[in-house]
N, C-alpha and C. Protein backbone atom coordinates (compact mmCIF):
# COMPACT_ATOMS: atom_id res chain seq x y z
N MET A 1 -254.09 31.30 74.66
CA MET A 1 -255.39 31.35 74.02
C MET A 1 -256.46 31.64 75.06
N ASN A 2 -257.34 32.58 74.76
CA ASN A 2 -258.44 32.94 75.65
C ASN A 2 -259.63 32.03 75.37
N ILE A 3 -259.96 31.18 76.33
CA ILE A 3 -261.10 30.27 76.14
C ILE A 3 -262.40 30.89 76.65
N TYR A 4 -262.30 32.11 77.19
CA TYR A 4 -263.47 32.79 77.72
C TYR A 4 -264.00 33.79 76.70
N THR A 5 -265.25 34.09 76.81
CA THR A 5 -265.84 35.12 75.98
C THR A 5 -265.92 36.39 76.83
N ASP A 6 -265.19 37.42 76.41
CA ASP A 6 -265.24 38.70 77.11
C ASP A 6 -266.32 39.55 76.47
N THR A 7 -266.99 40.32 77.30
CA THR A 7 -268.04 41.22 76.84
C THR A 7 -267.66 42.65 77.18
N LEU A 8 -267.54 43.48 76.17
CA LEU A 8 -267.24 44.90 76.33
C LEU A 8 -268.55 45.64 76.10
N LYS A 9 -268.99 46.41 77.12
CA LYS A 9 -270.26 47.10 76.96
C LYS A 9 -270.27 48.40 77.75
N PRO A 10 -271.20 49.30 77.41
CA PRO A 10 -271.30 50.55 78.16
C PRO A 10 -271.57 50.27 79.63
N GLU A 11 -270.96 51.09 80.47
CA GLU A 11 -271.16 50.93 81.92
C GLU A 11 -272.61 51.30 82.28
N GLN A 12 -273.23 50.45 83.05
CA GLN A 12 -274.59 50.67 83.53
C GLN A 12 -274.55 50.88 85.05
N PRO A 13 -275.59 51.47 85.63
CA PRO A 13 -275.58 51.74 87.08
C PRO A 13 -275.26 50.52 87.95
N GLU A 14 -275.65 49.34 87.52
CA GLU A 14 -275.38 48.17 88.35
C GLU A 14 -273.88 47.86 88.49
N PHE A 15 -273.03 48.50 87.68
CA PHE A 15 -271.59 48.29 87.77
C PHE A 15 -270.87 49.36 88.59
N TYR A 16 -271.55 50.43 88.99
CA TYR A 16 -270.89 51.56 89.63
C TYR A 16 -270.08 51.13 90.85
N ASP A 17 -270.67 50.35 91.74
CA ASP A 17 -269.96 49.95 92.96
C ASP A 17 -268.76 49.07 92.63
N ALA A 18 -268.90 48.16 91.68
CA ALA A 18 -267.79 47.28 91.31
C ALA A 18 -266.65 48.09 90.67
N VAL A 19 -266.98 49.10 89.88
CA VAL A 19 -265.95 49.95 89.27
C VAL A 19 -265.23 50.73 90.36
N GLU A 20 -265.97 51.28 91.31
CA GLU A 20 -265.35 52.02 92.41
C GLU A 20 -264.44 51.12 93.24
N SER A 21 -264.87 49.90 93.48
CA SER A 21 -264.06 48.93 94.22
C SER A 21 -262.77 48.61 93.47
N LEU A 22 -262.87 48.45 92.18
CA LEU A 22 -261.70 48.18 91.35
C LEU A 22 -260.73 49.37 91.38
N ALA A 23 -261.25 50.59 91.32
CA ALA A 23 -260.41 51.79 91.39
C ALA A 23 -259.73 51.89 92.76
N GLU A 24 -260.45 51.52 93.79
CA GLU A 24 -259.86 51.54 95.14
C GLU A 24 -258.70 50.54 95.23
N GLN A 25 -258.89 49.35 94.66
CA GLN A 25 -257.82 48.35 94.65
C GLN A 25 -256.60 48.85 93.87
N ALA A 26 -256.86 49.48 92.75
CA ALA A 26 -255.77 49.91 91.86
C ALA A 26 -255.02 51.14 92.38
N PHE A 27 -255.75 52.11 92.93
CA PHE A 27 -255.14 53.40 93.26
C PHE A 27 -255.14 53.75 94.74
N GLY A 28 -255.90 53.01 95.55
CA GLY A 28 -255.94 53.27 96.98
C GLY A 28 -256.59 54.59 97.32
N PRO A 29 -256.53 54.95 98.61
CA PRO A 29 -257.20 56.19 99.05
C PRO A 29 -256.54 57.45 98.51
N GLY A 30 -255.29 57.37 98.08
CA GLY A 30 -254.60 58.54 97.53
C GLY A 30 -255.22 59.06 96.25
N ARG A 31 -256.09 58.27 95.63
CA ARG A 31 -256.70 58.70 94.36
C ARG A 31 -257.54 59.96 94.54
N PHE A 32 -258.06 60.19 95.73
CA PHE A 32 -258.92 61.35 95.96
C PHE A 32 -258.14 62.66 95.96
N ALA A 33 -256.84 62.59 96.15
CA ALA A 33 -256.02 63.81 96.18
C ALA A 33 -255.50 64.19 94.80
N ARG A 34 -255.65 63.33 93.84
CA ARG A 34 -255.09 63.58 92.50
C ARG A 34 -255.89 64.67 91.77
N ALA A 35 -255.16 65.41 90.94
CA ALA A 35 -255.78 66.50 90.18
C ALA A 35 -256.91 66.00 89.29
N ALA A 36 -256.72 64.84 88.65
CA ALA A 36 -257.77 64.32 87.77
C ALA A 36 -259.02 63.97 88.56
N PHE A 37 -258.85 63.45 89.76
CA PHE A 37 -260.03 63.14 90.58
C PHE A 37 -260.79 64.42 90.91
N ARG A 38 -260.08 65.48 91.17
CA ARG A 38 -260.73 66.75 91.50
C ARG A 38 -261.62 67.24 90.36
N LEU A 39 -261.21 66.97 89.13
CA LEU A 39 -262.03 67.36 87.98
C LEU A 39 -263.29 66.49 87.86
N ARG A 40 -263.20 65.25 88.32
CA ARG A 40 -264.33 64.33 88.22
C ARG A 40 -265.26 64.40 89.43
N GLU A 41 -264.75 64.92 90.53
CA GLU A 41 -265.50 64.91 91.78
C GLU A 41 -266.84 65.64 91.62
N GLY A 42 -267.91 64.91 91.94
CA GLY A 42 -269.24 65.50 91.90
C GLY A 42 -269.85 65.60 90.51
N VAL A 43 -269.16 65.08 89.50
CA VAL A 43 -269.64 65.14 88.12
C VAL A 43 -269.82 63.70 87.63
N MET A 44 -270.95 63.42 87.08
CA MET A 44 -271.22 62.08 86.56
C MET A 44 -270.42 61.85 85.29
N HIS A 45 -269.79 60.68 85.19
CA HIS A 45 -269.11 60.31 83.95
C HIS A 45 -270.16 60.12 82.85
N GLU A 46 -269.71 60.06 81.62
CA GLU A 46 -270.60 59.88 80.48
C GLU A 46 -270.87 58.38 80.29
N PRO A 47 -272.06 57.89 80.69
CA PRO A 47 -272.32 56.45 80.64
C PRO A 47 -272.19 55.85 79.24
N GLU A 48 -272.57 56.61 78.21
CA GLU A 48 -272.49 56.06 76.85
C GLU A 48 -271.06 56.04 76.31
N LEU A 49 -270.14 56.68 77.02
CA LEU A 49 -268.73 56.71 76.62
C LEU A 49 -267.82 56.05 77.65
N SER A 50 -268.41 55.38 78.62
CA SER A 50 -267.67 54.68 79.67
C SER A 50 -268.00 53.20 79.54
N PHE A 51 -266.97 52.37 79.66
CA PHE A 51 -267.15 50.96 79.33
C PHE A 51 -266.61 50.03 80.41
N VAL A 52 -267.22 48.85 80.46
CA VAL A 52 -266.73 47.79 81.33
C VAL A 52 -266.44 46.58 80.46
N LEU A 53 -265.51 45.76 80.94
CA LEU A 53 -265.21 44.50 80.28
C LEU A 53 -265.51 43.40 81.28
N LEU A 54 -266.36 42.48 80.85
CA LEU A 54 -266.78 41.37 81.70
C LEU A 54 -266.24 40.06 81.15
N ARG A 55 -265.82 39.20 82.04
CA ARG A 55 -265.47 37.82 81.67
C ARG A 55 -266.44 36.96 82.46
N LYS A 56 -267.24 36.23 81.72
CA LYS A 56 -268.42 35.57 82.29
C LYS A 56 -269.24 36.71 82.88
N GLU A 57 -269.50 36.74 84.16
CA GLU A 57 -270.26 37.85 84.76
C GLU A 57 -269.37 38.73 85.63
N GLU A 58 -268.06 38.47 85.61
CA GLU A 58 -267.13 39.19 86.49
C GLU A 58 -266.57 40.43 85.80
N LEU A 59 -266.63 41.57 86.49
CA LEU A 59 -266.04 42.81 86.00
C LEU A 59 -264.52 42.69 86.11
N ILE A 60 -263.82 42.79 84.98
CA ILE A 60 -262.37 42.70 85.03
C ILE A 60 -261.67 43.97 84.56
N GLY A 61 -262.43 44.93 84.04
CA GLY A 61 -261.83 46.19 83.62
C GLY A 61 -262.87 47.25 83.36
N SER A 62 -262.41 48.50 83.44
CA SER A 62 -263.32 49.63 83.25
C SER A 62 -262.54 50.84 82.76
N VAL A 63 -263.21 51.66 81.97
CA VAL A 63 -262.68 52.96 81.59
C VAL A 63 -263.85 53.95 81.61
N ARG A 64 -263.58 55.13 82.12
CA ARG A 64 -264.61 56.17 82.15
C ARG A 64 -264.13 57.43 81.45
N LEU A 65 -265.07 58.11 80.82
CA LEU A 65 -264.84 59.43 80.24
C LEU A 65 -265.84 60.39 80.88
N THR A 66 -265.33 61.55 81.28
CA THR A 66 -266.13 62.56 81.95
C THR A 66 -265.94 63.89 81.25
N LYS A 67 -267.03 64.61 81.00
CA LYS A 67 -266.91 65.94 80.39
C LYS A 67 -266.21 66.89 81.35
N ILE A 68 -265.31 67.71 80.79
CA ILE A 68 -264.67 68.79 81.53
C ILE A 68 -264.61 70.00 80.61
N MET A 69 -264.16 71.10 81.15
CA MET A 69 -263.89 72.30 80.37
C MET A 69 -262.40 72.59 80.45
N VAL A 70 -261.82 72.98 79.33
CA VAL A 70 -260.44 73.45 79.29
C VAL A 70 -260.52 74.83 78.66
N GLY A 71 -260.24 75.85 79.46
CA GLY A 71 -260.51 77.21 79.00
C GLY A 71 -262.00 77.30 78.74
N GLU A 72 -262.39 77.66 77.53
CA GLU A 72 -263.81 77.75 77.18
C GLU A 72 -264.27 76.57 76.32
N ASN A 73 -263.46 75.54 76.24
CA ASN A 73 -263.75 74.42 75.35
C ASN A 73 -264.07 73.14 76.10
N GLU A 74 -265.08 72.44 75.62
CA GLU A 74 -265.48 71.17 76.20
C GLU A 74 -264.54 70.06 75.72
N ALA A 75 -264.13 69.23 76.65
CA ALA A 75 -263.29 68.07 76.33
C ALA A 75 -263.77 66.91 77.20
N LEU A 76 -263.12 65.79 77.05
CA LEU A 76 -263.38 64.63 77.90
C LEU A 76 -262.13 64.36 78.72
N LEU A 77 -262.33 63.92 79.93
CA LEU A 77 -261.24 63.49 80.80
C LEU A 77 -261.32 61.98 80.92
N LEU A 78 -260.24 61.31 80.60
CA LEU A 78 -260.21 59.85 80.68
C LEU A 78 -259.75 59.44 82.07
N GLY A 79 -260.49 58.53 82.66
CA GLY A 79 -260.05 57.96 83.92
C GLY A 79 -261.20 57.71 84.87
N PRO A 80 -261.02 56.78 85.71
CA PRO A 80 -259.86 55.91 85.71
C PRO A 80 -259.98 54.80 84.68
N LEU A 81 -258.84 54.35 84.21
CA LEU A 81 -258.72 53.11 83.44
C LEU A 81 -258.20 52.10 84.44
N VAL A 82 -258.99 51.08 84.73
CA VAL A 82 -258.59 50.09 85.72
C VAL A 82 -258.82 48.67 85.19
N VAL A 83 -257.90 47.81 85.57
CA VAL A 83 -257.98 46.40 85.22
C VAL A 83 -257.67 45.60 86.48
N LYS A 84 -258.44 44.57 86.72
CA LYS A 84 -258.18 43.70 87.87
C LYS A 84 -256.74 43.22 87.81
N PRO A 85 -256.05 43.23 88.94
CA PRO A 85 -254.62 42.89 88.93
C PRO A 85 -254.28 41.57 88.24
N GLU A 86 -255.08 40.55 88.44
CA GLU A 86 -254.76 39.25 87.83
C GLU A 86 -254.96 39.21 86.32
N PHE A 87 -255.53 40.29 85.76
CA PHE A 87 -255.76 40.35 84.31
C PHE A 87 -254.89 41.42 83.62
N LYS A 88 -253.96 42.01 84.37
CA LYS A 88 -253.08 43.01 83.77
C LYS A 88 -252.16 42.35 82.75
N ASN A 89 -251.78 43.14 81.76
CA ASN A 89 -250.88 42.69 80.69
C ASN A 89 -251.50 41.58 79.83
N CYS A 90 -252.83 41.58 79.74
CA CYS A 90 -253.55 40.60 78.90
C CYS A 90 -254.33 41.29 77.79
N GLY A 91 -254.13 42.60 77.60
CA GLY A 91 -254.82 43.33 76.54
C GLY A 91 -256.17 43.92 76.93
N ILE A 92 -256.54 43.80 78.20
CA ILE A 92 -257.84 44.33 78.66
C ILE A 92 -257.85 45.86 78.56
N GLY A 93 -256.79 46.50 79.06
CA GLY A 93 -256.70 47.95 78.98
C GLY A 93 -256.73 48.44 77.54
N ALA A 94 -256.06 47.73 76.66
CA ALA A 94 -256.04 48.11 75.24
C ALA A 94 -257.43 48.06 74.63
N GLN A 95 -258.18 47.02 74.93
CA GLN A 95 -259.56 46.93 74.41
C GLN A 95 -260.40 48.10 74.90
N LEU A 96 -260.28 48.40 76.19
CA LEU A 96 -261.06 49.49 76.77
C LEU A 96 -260.66 50.84 76.18
N MET A 97 -259.35 51.07 76.03
CA MET A 97 -258.87 52.33 75.47
C MET A 97 -259.33 52.53 74.03
N LYS A 98 -259.19 51.51 73.22
CA LYS A 98 -259.60 51.63 71.81
C LYS A 98 -261.08 51.95 71.70
N LYS A 99 -261.90 51.30 72.52
CA LYS A 99 -263.35 51.54 72.49
C LYS A 99 -263.67 52.95 72.97
N ALA A 100 -263.03 53.41 74.04
CA ALA A 100 -263.30 54.75 74.57
C ALA A 100 -262.93 55.83 73.55
N VAL A 101 -261.75 55.71 72.95
CA VAL A 101 -261.29 56.73 71.99
C VAL A 101 -262.18 56.73 70.75
N SER A 102 -262.48 55.57 70.21
CA SER A 102 -263.32 55.53 69.00
C SER A 102 -264.73 56.03 69.29
N SER A 103 -265.27 55.70 70.45
CA SER A 103 -266.62 56.16 70.80
C SER A 103 -266.67 57.67 70.99
N ALA A 104 -265.64 58.24 71.61
CA ALA A 104 -265.58 59.69 71.80
C ALA A 104 -265.51 60.40 70.45
N ARG A 105 -264.72 59.86 69.55
CA ARG A 105 -264.60 60.44 68.20
C ARG A 105 -265.95 60.37 67.48
N GLU A 106 -266.59 59.21 67.52
CA GLU A 106 -267.89 59.04 66.87
C GLU A 106 -268.96 59.95 67.46
N ALA A 107 -268.83 60.26 68.75
CA ALA A 107 -269.81 61.13 69.41
C ALA A 107 -269.57 62.61 69.12
N GLY A 108 -268.48 62.92 68.41
CA GLY A 108 -268.24 64.30 67.99
C GLY A 108 -267.39 65.12 68.94
N PHE A 109 -266.77 64.51 69.93
CA PHE A 109 -265.89 65.26 70.81
C PHE A 109 -264.59 65.56 70.08
N GLU A 110 -263.91 66.64 70.50
CA GLU A 110 -262.69 67.06 69.83
C GLU A 110 -261.41 66.56 70.49
N ALA A 111 -261.47 66.31 71.81
CA ALA A 111 -260.24 65.92 72.50
C ALA A 111 -260.54 65.17 73.79
N ILE A 112 -259.60 64.31 74.14
CA ILE A 112 -259.60 63.63 75.43
C ILE A 112 -258.32 64.03 76.15
N ILE A 113 -258.47 64.39 77.41
CA ILE A 113 -257.34 64.78 78.26
C ILE A 113 -257.15 63.69 79.30
N LEU A 114 -255.91 63.47 79.71
CA LEU A 114 -255.68 62.56 80.83
C LEU A 114 -254.35 62.89 81.49
N VAL A 115 -254.20 62.40 82.70
CA VAL A 115 -252.93 62.47 83.40
C VAL A 115 -252.44 61.04 83.46
N GLY A 116 -251.36 60.75 82.74
CA GLY A 116 -250.89 59.37 82.69
C GLY A 116 -249.53 59.23 82.04
N ASP A 117 -249.13 58.00 81.87
CA ASP A 117 -247.83 57.63 81.34
C ASP A 117 -247.83 57.73 79.81
N PHE A 118 -247.07 58.68 79.29
CA PHE A 118 -247.03 58.90 77.84
C PHE A 118 -246.63 57.63 77.08
N ASP A 119 -245.66 56.90 77.60
CA ASP A 119 -245.21 55.71 76.88
C ASP A 119 -246.32 54.69 76.70
N TYR A 120 -247.26 54.63 77.64
CA TYR A 120 -248.39 53.71 77.50
C TYR A 120 -249.46 54.29 76.57
N TYR A 121 -249.83 55.54 76.77
CA TYR A 121 -250.99 56.12 76.07
C TYR A 121 -250.71 56.62 74.66
N LYS A 122 -249.46 56.79 74.28
CA LYS A 122 -249.17 57.30 72.93
C LYS A 122 -249.69 56.38 71.84
N LYS A 123 -249.75 55.09 72.09
CA LYS A 123 -250.25 54.16 71.07
C LYS A 123 -251.74 54.33 70.79
N TYR A 124 -252.44 55.09 71.65
CA TYR A 124 -253.87 55.37 71.43
C TYR A 124 -254.09 56.77 70.89
N GLY A 125 -253.00 57.46 70.53
CA GLY A 125 -253.11 58.78 69.91
C GLY A 125 -252.86 59.94 70.84
N PHE A 126 -252.43 59.68 72.07
CA PHE A 126 -252.18 60.76 73.03
C PHE A 126 -250.82 61.40 72.78
N LYS A 127 -250.77 62.72 73.03
CA LYS A 127 -249.57 63.51 72.83
C LYS A 127 -249.29 64.30 74.10
N GLN A 128 -248.02 64.62 74.30
CA GLN A 128 -247.66 65.49 75.41
C GLN A 128 -247.93 66.93 74.99
N LEU A 129 -248.23 67.75 75.97
CA LEU A 129 -248.53 69.16 75.73
C LEU A 129 -247.38 70.04 76.18
N PRO A 130 -247.24 71.22 75.59
CA PRO A 130 -246.26 72.17 76.11
C PRO A 130 -246.55 72.49 77.58
N HIS A 131 -245.51 72.69 78.34
CA HIS A 131 -245.61 73.00 79.77
C HIS A 131 -246.62 74.13 80.01
N LYS A 132 -247.56 73.89 80.89
CA LYS A 132 -248.58 74.85 81.33
C LYS A 132 -249.62 75.20 80.27
N GLN A 133 -249.71 74.45 79.17
CA GLN A 133 -250.79 74.71 78.21
C GLN A 133 -252.13 74.44 78.86
N ILE A 134 -252.21 73.36 79.61
CA ILE A 134 -253.41 73.05 80.39
C ILE A 134 -252.99 72.99 81.85
N GLU A 135 -253.72 73.72 82.68
CA GLU A 135 -253.44 73.72 84.11
C GLU A 135 -254.57 73.00 84.83
N LEU A 136 -254.18 72.12 85.73
CA LEU A 136 -255.15 71.31 86.47
C LEU A 136 -255.38 71.87 87.86
N PRO A 137 -256.50 71.52 88.48
CA PRO A 137 -256.83 72.02 89.83
C PRO A 137 -256.10 71.24 90.91
N GLY A 138 -254.81 71.18 90.83
CA GLY A 138 -254.01 70.45 91.80
C GLY A 138 -252.72 70.04 91.14
N PRO A 139 -251.79 69.53 91.94
CA PRO A 139 -250.50 69.18 91.38
C PRO A 139 -250.57 68.00 90.41
N ALA A 140 -249.85 68.15 89.32
CA ALA A 140 -249.71 67.06 88.34
C ALA A 140 -248.41 67.30 87.59
N ASP A 141 -247.68 66.24 87.34
CA ASP A 141 -246.45 66.31 86.57
C ASP A 141 -246.81 66.78 85.16
N PRO A 142 -246.28 67.92 84.71
CA PRO A 142 -246.63 68.43 83.37
C PRO A 142 -246.35 67.43 82.24
N ALA A 143 -245.37 66.57 82.40
CA ALA A 143 -245.06 65.58 81.37
C ALA A 143 -246.14 64.50 81.28
N ARG A 144 -247.01 64.42 82.29
CA ARG A 144 -248.06 63.40 82.31
C ARG A 144 -249.42 63.95 81.89
N ILE A 145 -249.51 65.25 81.61
CA ILE A 145 -250.76 65.83 81.12
C ILE A 145 -250.78 65.64 79.61
N LEU A 146 -251.68 64.77 79.16
CA LEU A 146 -251.70 64.34 77.76
C LEU A 146 -253.02 64.70 77.10
N ILE A 147 -252.97 64.82 75.78
CA ILE A 147 -254.17 65.09 74.99
C ILE A 147 -254.23 64.11 73.82
N CYS A 148 -255.43 63.64 73.55
CA CYS A 148 -255.68 62.84 72.36
C CYS A 148 -256.58 63.68 71.46
N PRO A 149 -256.01 64.31 70.44
CA PRO A 149 -256.85 65.10 69.54
C PRO A 149 -257.71 64.17 68.69
N LEU A 150 -259.00 64.38 68.74
CA LEU A 150 -259.93 63.56 67.97
C LEU A 150 -260.25 64.21 66.63
N VAL A 151 -259.78 65.43 66.48
CA VAL A 151 -259.89 66.20 65.24
C VAL A 151 -258.47 66.67 64.92
N GLU A 152 -258.05 66.50 63.71
CA GLU A 152 -256.68 66.85 63.29
C GLU A 152 -256.33 68.29 63.66
N GLY A 153 -255.17 68.46 64.32
CA GLY A 153 -254.62 69.78 64.61
C GLY A 153 -255.34 70.59 65.66
N ILE A 154 -256.14 69.97 66.49
CA ILE A 154 -256.99 70.70 67.45
C ILE A 154 -256.27 71.02 68.77
N GLU A 155 -255.08 70.47 68.98
CA GLU A 155 -254.41 70.57 70.28
C GLU A 155 -254.31 71.99 70.83
N SER A 156 -253.95 72.96 69.99
CA SER A 156 -253.73 74.32 70.48
C SER A 156 -255.01 74.98 70.98
N LYS A 157 -256.17 74.50 70.56
CA LYS A 157 -257.45 75.04 71.02
C LYS A 157 -257.64 74.81 72.52
N PHE A 158 -257.02 73.75 73.03
CA PHE A 158 -257.21 73.38 74.43
C PHE A 158 -256.08 73.92 75.27
N SER A 159 -256.33 75.08 75.86
CA SER A 159 -255.35 75.70 76.73
C SER A 159 -256.07 76.44 77.84
N GLY A 160 -255.36 76.60 78.94
CA GLY A 160 -255.93 77.30 80.08
C GLY A 160 -256.26 76.35 81.21
N GLN A 161 -257.09 76.83 82.09
CA GLN A 161 -257.47 76.08 83.29
C GLN A 161 -258.48 74.99 82.95
N ALA A 162 -258.19 73.78 83.40
CA ALA A 162 -259.16 72.69 83.29
C ALA A 162 -260.05 72.76 84.53
N ARG A 163 -261.35 72.56 84.32
CA ARG A 163 -262.29 72.63 85.44
C ARG A 163 -263.45 71.68 85.19
N ARG A 164 -264.21 71.48 86.24
CA ARG A 164 -265.38 70.61 86.12
C ARG A 164 -266.35 71.16 85.09
N TYR A 165 -267.01 70.25 84.42
CA TYR A 165 -268.04 70.63 83.46
C TYR A 165 -269.29 70.99 84.23
N GLU A 166 -269.86 72.12 83.91
CA GLU A 166 -271.11 72.54 84.54
C GLU A 166 -272.05 73.01 83.46
N VAL A 167 -273.30 72.59 83.57
CA VAL A 167 -274.32 73.06 82.65
C VAL A 167 -274.67 74.48 83.07
N LYS A 168 -274.61 75.39 82.11
CA LYS A 168 -274.92 76.79 82.41
C LYS A 168 -276.42 76.96 82.62
N PRO A 169 -276.80 77.78 83.59
CA PRO A 169 -278.23 78.03 83.82
C PRO A 169 -278.91 78.50 82.54
N GLY A 170 -280.06 77.92 82.25
CA GLY A 170 -280.83 78.32 81.09
C GLY A 170 -280.46 77.57 79.82
N SER A 171 -279.34 76.80 79.86
CA SER A 171 -278.99 76.03 78.67
C SER A 171 -279.71 74.70 78.69
N GLN A 172 -279.87 74.15 77.51
CA GLN A 172 -280.57 72.88 77.40
C GLN A 172 -279.59 71.74 77.57
N ILE A 173 -280.02 70.72 78.25
CA ILE A 173 -279.23 69.52 78.39
C ILE A 173 -279.65 68.56 77.29
N ASP A 174 -278.66 68.02 76.59
CA ASP A 174 -278.96 67.06 75.52
C ASP A 174 -279.53 65.78 76.07
């Protein structure tokens, strides 16, 4: 029984350093070489779609979503999903995942992409893609490139090179 009150809320700037520290603990310095990190590098995550879970005032988990492009289509990249080691296997990741997926759907996005373990992420609606449907800017096991279609049957729309999201010159920022 959980005697604590957990608070799930959008990530605010005051949590950035704590989230980075948690990611460092979870993934170490090798995280910078990963293909998913390369897509996020230099691009701000979506604060209204990125969440932290607090127990009392302590950050115990985080999930971030970052806009990317796949071919000519906008998608979200999930990651990192991190949970403090002493709180793993307590449902923290599940709470964060459910909130991230439902918020992305409500915000009108069509798909979330991630590089991760299919057996874990399939319960949140993620599917494996055909080999080379999406190509990442670095090595990644094709079996770990997953998509969560937020609109029925949208998977085939997302193909080609995944790259950082960039606002085109002259376009309006929402």
